[in-house]
């Protein structure tokens, strides 16, 4: 109040011809302040601010920020999705952006790209590949609409966030799912990590039935499907570990289907292949499937409530 009186007193002593100019200056600075204030609000506020999180370990509903504090303690964060659900990709984007804004050295791994096409991701992030060329590369790797993942890929490019391809050639997993792991040729086996095997036991098959909501499935065809999923998990775990070996300072966010993100999927293979990896599993809420009460700490660490 005192400052306002002093300003008004000073202005009253100014000749009339100059008063209009000072009034314009006051108006200019007022609106400039408003613009800067609104920009700050929009830059810090994200969709995640309204997202509640279920912490599986103690059954409590917490804030997104509380979850973020814990995620920053590990080097791999698996964030699951149903591939055609736009809301799930928005939640994934929120995790990536929140980590970036918290100054974490974030990188992103994609089930949506095979490891052999890593150079395409590198060129995209570096800004040396056109949008049209990258979209073509995307569809060569993945068959779900580009628009579902567009904002994530654009954000990586704009912020020069490293990206890693995690997947294996779909021809190999398709062949395994149809004819089993034993049907692979020596050339195909050479494309897999040396430690890759296919010890599918009853425990793993039970997990697959649950993770993929498959009921009453059995027989050779189901075993083949389980073998394909196991190989998928093993290879993506190996590629995650390989990326961190080259980039030990990074916090790597892995975007995969829910079945791979569950702890019995990729995380189990991470534990088998390396004792150094520390991870968290974040899954989207899916009523009747992934929800508080149906998920335990053996399945995931957090459920993002929508």
Protein backbone atom coordinates (compact mmCIF):
# COMPACT_ATOMS: atom_id res chain seq x y z
CA UNK A 1 0.00 0.00 0.00
CA UNK A 2 2.81 2.41 0.97
CA UNK A 3 4.62 1.67 -2.30
CA UNK A 4 1.48 2.39 -4.31
CA UNK A 5 1.09 5.81 -2.55
CA UNK A 6 4.69 6.71 -3.32
CA UNK A 7 4.28 5.71 -6.99
CA UNK A 8 1.07 7.70 -7.34
CA UNK A 9 2.67 10.74 -5.62
CA UNK A 10 5.62 10.59 -7.96
CA UNK A 11 3.40 10.35 -11.00
CA UNK A 12 1.26 13.31 -9.84
CA UNK A 13 4.36 15.54 -9.97
CA UNK A 14 5.06 14.65 -13.59
CA UNK A 15 3.94 17.13 -16.27
CA UNK A 16 0.57 16.20 -17.87
CA UNK A 17 2.09 15.39 -21.26
CA UNK A 18 4.29 12.71 -19.68
CA UNK A 19 1.65 11.17 -17.43
CA UNK A 20 0.06 9.25 -20.27
CA UNK A 21 3.42 7.70 -21.09
CA UNK A 22 3.99 6.57 -17.50
CA UNK A 23 0.48 5.15 -17.36
CA UNK A 24 1.29 3.07 -20.43
CA UNK A 25 4.54 1.94 -18.81
CA UNK A 26 2.69 0.86 -15.66
CA UNK A 27 0.16 -1.04 -17.78
CA UNK A 28 2.93 -2.66 -19.82
CA UNK A 29 4.80 -3.93 -16.76
CA UNK A 30 1.58 -5.14 -15.14
CA UNK A 31 0.61 -7.25 -18.12
CA UNK A 32 4.20 -8.43 -18.57
CA UNK A 33 4.14 -9.71 -15.00
CA UNK A 34 0.85 -11.51 -15.65
CA UNK A 35 2.24 -13.15 -18.79
CA UNK A 36 5.40 -14.31 -16.99
CA UNK A 37 3.33 -15.63 -14.10
CA UNK A 38 1.05 -17.61 -16.39
CA UNK A 39 4.02 -18.97 -18.33
CA UNK A 40 5.58 -20.20 -15.10
CA UNK A 41 2.34 -21.90 -14.13
CA UNK A 42 1.95 -23.65 -17.45
CA UNK A 43 5.58 -24.73 -17.52
CA UNK A 44 5.42 -26.39 -14.11
CA UNK A 45 1.91 -27.79 -14.15
CA UNK A 46 1.41 -31.08 -16.00
CA UNK A 47 -1.32 -33.63 -16.41
CA UNK A 48 0.44 -35.59 -13.68
CA UNK A 49 -0.41 -33.01 -11.02
CA UNK A 50 -3.93 -34.38 -10.81
CA UNK A 51 -2.91 -38.04 -10.98
CA UNK A 52 -3.28 -40.11 -7.82
CA UNK A 53 -1.01 -43.08 -7.32
CA UNK A 54 -1.64 -46.33 -5.46
CA UNK A 55 1.49 -47.50 -3.69
CA UNK A 56 1.31 -51.28 -3.65
CA UNK A 57 3.77 -51.88 -0.81
CA UNK A 58 1.54 -50.34 1.87
CA UNK A 59 -1.80 -49.93 0.09
CA UNK A 60 -1.77 -46.14 0.37
CA UNK A 61 -2.89 -43.58 -2.19
CA UNK A 62 -0.13 -41.01 -2.65
CA UNK A 63 0.65 -38.08 -4.92
CA UNK A 64 2.49 -38.29 -8.21
CA UNK A 65 5.30 -36.28 -6.65
CA UNK A 66 5.73 -38.77 -3.81
CA UNK A 67 6.07 -41.57 -6.33
CA UNK A 68 8.54 -39.50 -8.35
CA UNK A 69 10.80 -39.09 -5.32
CA UNK A 70 11.09 -42.87 -5.11
CA UNK A 71 11.50 -43.42 -8.86
CA UNK A 72 14.54 -41.15 -8.87
CA UNK A 73 16.35 -43.62 -6.60
CA UNK A 74 16.52 -46.38 -9.23
CA UNK A 75 18.08 -46.72 -12.67
CA UNK A 76 15.26 -48.55 -14.51
CA UNK A 77 11.57 -47.61 -14.40
CA UNK A 78 9.20 -49.88 -16.32
CA UNK A 79 5.95 -48.11 -17.22
CA UNK A 80 3.36 -50.45 -18.70
CA UNK A 81 0.65 -49.81 -21.26
CA UNK A 82 -2.11 -51.28 -23.31
CA UNK A 83 -0.75 -50.34 -26.71
CA UNK A 84 -3.90 -48.74 -28.13
CA UNK A 85 -4.85 -46.73 -25.01
CA UNK A 86 -4.06 -43.04 -25.43
CA UNK A 87 -4.46 -42.38 -21.68
CA UNK A 88 -1.69 -44.87 -20.89
CA UNK A 89 0.72 -43.06 -23.19
CA UNK A 90 -0.18 -39.75 -21.55
CA UNK A 91 0.75 -41.25 -18.18
CA UNK A 92 4.04 -42.51 -19.61
CA UNK A 93 4.73 -39.05 -21.00
CA UNK A 94 3.98 -37.57 -17.57
CA UNK A 95 6.59 -39.81 -15.94
CA UNK A 96 9.24 -38.90 -18.53
CA UNK A 97 8.52 -35.18 -18.38
CA UNK A 98 8.38 -35.11 -14.57
CA UNK A 99 11.76 -36.81 -14.32
CA UNK A 100 13.23 -34.38 -16.85
CA UNK A 101 11.84 -31.36 -15.00
CA UNK A 102 13.23 -32.78 -11.75
CA UNK A 103 16.69 -32.69 -13.41
CA UNK A 104 17.04 -36.47 -13.55
CA UNK A 105 19.29 -37.64 -16.41
CA UNK A 106 16.44 -39.45 -18.12
CA UNK A 107 16.56 -41.76 -21.14
CA UNK A 108 13.73 -43.81 -22.67
CA UNK A 109 13.70 -47.42 -23.87
CA UNK A 110 11.08 -48.59 -26.35
CA UNK A 111 9.53 -51.98 -26.93
CA UNK A 112 8.29 -50.23 -30.08
CA UNK A 113 11.74 -50.29 -31.75
CA UNK A 114 14.00 -53.26 -32.34
CA UNK A 115 17.58 -52.90 -31.13
CA UNK A 116 18.91 -53.32 -34.68
CA UNK A 117 17.27 -49.99 -35.60
CA UNK A 118 19.01 -48.01 -32.86
CA UNK A 119 20.63 -45.69 -35.40
CA UNK A 120 17.18 -44.42 -36.42
CA UNK A 121 16.38 -43.42 -32.85
CA UNK A 122 19.80 -41.74 -32.53
CA UNK A 123 19.24 -39.72 -35.70
CA UNK A 124 15.77 -38.68 -34.58
CA UNK A 125 16.94 -37.45 -31.18
CA UNK A 126 19.90 -35.66 -32.78
CA UNK A 127 17.55 -33.87 -35.18
CA UNK A 128 19.19 -35.28 -38.31
CA UNK A 129 16.21 -37.33 -39.50
CA UNK A 130 13.08 -35.73 -40.95
CA UNK A 131 9.68 -36.32 -39.39
CA UNK A 132 8.44 -38.17 -42.47
CA UNK A 133 11.47 -40.47 -42.52
CA UNK A 134 11.13 -41.21 -38.81
CA UNK A 135 7.42 -41.92 -39.04
CA UNK A 136 8.22 -44.42 -41.80
CA UNK A 137 10.87 -45.97 -39.53
CA UNK A 138 8.35 -46.09 -36.70
CA UNK A 139 5.83 -48.01 -38.81
CA UNK A 140 8.57 -50.38 -39.95
CA UNK A 141 8.97 -51.30 -36.27
CA UNK A 142 5.45 -50.97 -34.86
CA UNK A 143 1.91 -51.18 -36.20
CA UNK A 144 -0.04 -49.03 -33.72
CA UNK A 145 -0.92 -45.45 -34.77
CA UNK A 146 1.91 -42.93 -34.65
CA UNK A 147 -0.33 -40.37 -32.94
CA UNK A 148 -0.39 -42.52 -29.79
CA UNK A 149 3.36 -42.05 -29.30
CA UNK A 150 3.94 -38.79 -31.18
CA UNK A 151 4.13 -36.46 -28.15
CA UNK A 152 6.68 -38.68 -26.43
CA UNK A 153 8.94 -38.88 -29.48
CA UNK A 154 8.66 -35.13 -30.13
CA UNK A 155 9.56 -34.39 -26.51
CA UNK A 156 12.66 -36.59 -26.75
CA UNK A 157 13.77 -34.77 -29.88
CA UNK A 158 13.11 -31.30 -28.45
CA UNK A 159 15.05 -32.07 -25.28
CA UNK A 160 17.74 -34.33 -26.77
CA UNK A 161 16.75 -37.20 -24.48
CA UNK A 162 18.48 -40.47 -25.45
CA UNK A 163 16.26 -43.28 -26.73
CA UNK A 164 16.98 -47.01 -26.90
CA UNK A 165 15.44 -49.76 -29.00
CA UNK A 166 14.71 -52.80 -26.85
CA UNK A 167 12.91 -55.23 -29.07
CA UNK A 168 13.89 -58.28 -31.06
CA UNK A 169 12.98 -59.03 -34.65
CA UNK A 170 9.24 -59.90 -34.71
CA UNK A 171 9.96 -62.68 -37.18
CA UNK A 172 11.84 -64.58 -34.47
CA UNK A 173 9.19 -64.23 -31.76
CA UNK A 174 6.45 -65.05 -34.25
CA UNK A 175 8.28 -68.22 -35.30
CA UNK A 176 8.72 -69.26 -31.66
CA UNK A 177 5.06 -68.63 -30.85
CA UNK A 178 4.01 -70.84 -33.76
CA UNK A 179 6.63 -73.59 -33.73
CA UNK A 180 8.52 -73.23 -30.46
CA UNK A 181 12.04 -72.19 -29.50
CA UNK A 182 13.52 -75.41 -30.88
CA UNK A 183 12.47 -74.40 -34.40
CA UNK A 184 15.03 -71.56 -34.58
CA UNK A 185 17.94 -71.96 -36.97
CA UNK A 186 21.58 -71.39 -35.99
CA UNK A 187 21.44 -68.03 -37.76
CA UNK A 188 18.38 -67.00 -35.78
CA UNK A 189 19.87 -68.20 -32.50
CA UNK A 190 22.96 -66.11 -33.21
CA UNK A 191 20.78 -62.98 -33.06
CA UNK A 192 19.82 -63.77 -29.45
CA UNK A 193 21.90 -63.08 -26.34
CA UNK A 194 24.19 -66.05 -25.48
CA UNK A 195 22.37 -66.80 -22.22
CA UNK A 196 18.95 -66.97 -23.88
CA UNK A 197 17.01 -70.09 -23.00
CA UNK A 198 13.46 -71.25 -22.81
CA UNK A 199 12.87 -72.90 -19.45
CA UNK A 200 9.14 -72.29 -19.31
CA UNK A 201 7.82 -73.75 -16.07
CA UNK A 202 4.33 -73.92 -14.58
CA UNK A 203 4.95 -70.78 -12.52
CA UNK A 204 5.78 -68.77 -15.63
CA UNK A 205 2.82 -70.16 -17.54
CA UNK A 206 0.54 -69.20 -14.63
CA UNK A 207 1.96 -65.68 -14.82
CA UNK A 208 1.35 -65.49 -18.57
CA UNK A 209 -2.27 -66.58 -18.15
CA UNK A 210 -2.80 -63.88 -15.58
CA UNK A 211 -0.80 -61.08 -17.25
CA UNK A 212 -2.51 -61.58 -20.59
CA UNK A 213 -5.93 -62.46 -19.15
CA UNK A 214 -5.78 -65.87 -20.79
CA UNK A 215 -8.06 -68.43 -19.18
CA UNK A 216 -8.03 -72.16 -19.73
CA UNK A 217 -5.21 -72.10 -22.26
CA UNK A 218 -2.93 -75.12 -22.44
CA UNK A 219 -1.24 -77.48 -24.83
CA UNK A 220 1.72 -77.07 -27.14
CA UNK A 221 0.47 -73.85 -28.73
CA UNK A 222 0.24 -72.13 -25.34
CA UNK A 223 3.72 -73.35 -24.36
CA UNK A 224 5.07 -71.91 -27.62
CA UNK A 225 3.42 -68.59 -26.80
CA UNK A 226 5.02 -68.62 -23.34
CA UNK A 227 8.41 -69.37 -24.88
CA UNK A 228 8.04 -66.38 -27.21
CA UNK A 229 7.14 -64.11 -24.29
CA UNK A 230 10.08 -65.37 -22.25
CA UNK A 231 12.53 -64.73 -25.10
CA UNK A 232 11.01 -61.27 -25.51
CA UNK A 233 11.53 -60.51 -21.80
CA UNK A 234 15.08 -61.87 -21.81
CA UNK A 235 16.16 -59.85 -24.84
CA UNK A 236 14.58 -56.58 -23.66
CA UNK A 237 16.18 -57.03 -20.22
CA UNK A 238 19.55 -57.63 -21.90
CA UNK A 239 19.15 -54.47 -24.01
CA UNK A 240 18.20 -52.40 -20.97
CA UNK A 241 21.29 -53.62 -19.12
CA UNK A 242 23.44 -53.01 -22.19
CA UNK A 243 22.23 -49.43 -22.50
CA UNK A 244 22.97 -48.71 -18.84
CA UNK A 245 26.42 -50.24 -19.17
CA UNK A 246 27.19 -47.57 -21.77
CA UNK A 247 25.24 -44.84 -19.95
CA UNK A 248 25.61 -45.57 -16.22
CA UNK A 249 24.45 -42.11 -15.17
CA UNK A 250 21.02 -42.41 -16.80
CA UNK A 251 17.60 -43.09 -15.34
CA UNK A 252 16.08 -45.34 -17.99
CA UNK A 253 12.31 -45.33 -18.46
CA UNK A 254 11.20 -48.48 -20.33
CA UNK A 255 7.89 -48.28 -22.20
CA UNK A 256 6.45 -51.75 -22.77
CA UNK A 257 3.20 -53.64 -22.77
CA UNK A 258 1.86 -54.43 -19.31
CA UNK A 259 2.66 -58.13 -19.63
CA UNK A 260 6.35 -57.37 -20.09
CA UNK A 261 6.44 -54.69 -17.37
CA UNK A 262 5.06 -56.91 -14.59
CA UNK A 263 7.76 -58.05 -12.18
CA UNK A 264 7.54 -61.62 -13.41
CA UNK A 265 8.33 -60.37 -16.93
CA UNK A 266 11.32 -58.14 -17.75
CA UNK A 267 12.18 -57.37 -14.08
CA UNK A 268 12.66 -61.07 -13.33
CA UNK A 269 15.13 -61.25 -16.20
CA UNK A 270 16.89 -58.10 -14.98
CA UNK A 271 17.51 -59.80 -11.64
CA UNK A 272 18.76 -62.94 -13.35
CA UNK A 273 21.13 -61.13 -15.68
CA UNK A 274 22.50 -58.41 -13.40
CA UNK A 275 22.67 -57.73 -9.68
CA UNK A 276 23.38 -54.04 -10.23
CA UNK A 277 20.02 -52.99 -11.67
CA UNK A 278 17.52 -51.29 -9.39
CA UNK A 279 14.04 -50.93 -10.81
CA UNK A 280 10.46 -49.93 -10.15
CA UNK A 281 7.33 -51.11 -11.96
CA UNK A 282 4.53 -48.65 -12.70
CA UNK A 283 1.28 -49.92 -14.23
CA UNK A 284 -1.83 -48.09 -15.42
CA UNK A 285 -5.09 -48.68 -13.62
CA UNK A 286 -7.36 -51.06 -15.53
CA UNK A 287 -10.62 -51.80 -13.66
CA UNK A 288 -11.11 -55.50 -13.03
CA UNK A 289 -7.56 -56.29 -14.09
CA UNK A 290 -4.90 -53.97 -12.69
CA UNK A 291 -6.32 -52.27 -9.63
CA UNK A 292 -5.83 -51.90 -5.87
CA UNK A 293 -6.58 -55.20 -4.20
CA UNK A 294 -5.73 -57.36 -7.20
CA UNK A 295 -2.06 -56.40 -7.54
CA UNK A 296 0.58 -57.30 -4.96
CA UNK A 297 4.18 -56.19 -4.43
CA UNK A 298 5.20 -59.28 -6.41
CA UNK A 299 3.49 -57.73 -9.46
CA UNK A 300 4.24 -54.00 -9.38
CA UNK A 301 5.26 -51.06 -7.21
CA UNK A 302 2.72 -48.43 -8.28
CA UNK A 303 -0.62 -48.15 -10.05
CA UNK A 304 -1.40 -44.87 -11.78
CA UNK A 305 -5.02 -44.10 -10.98
CA UNK A 306 -6.95 -42.26 -13.68
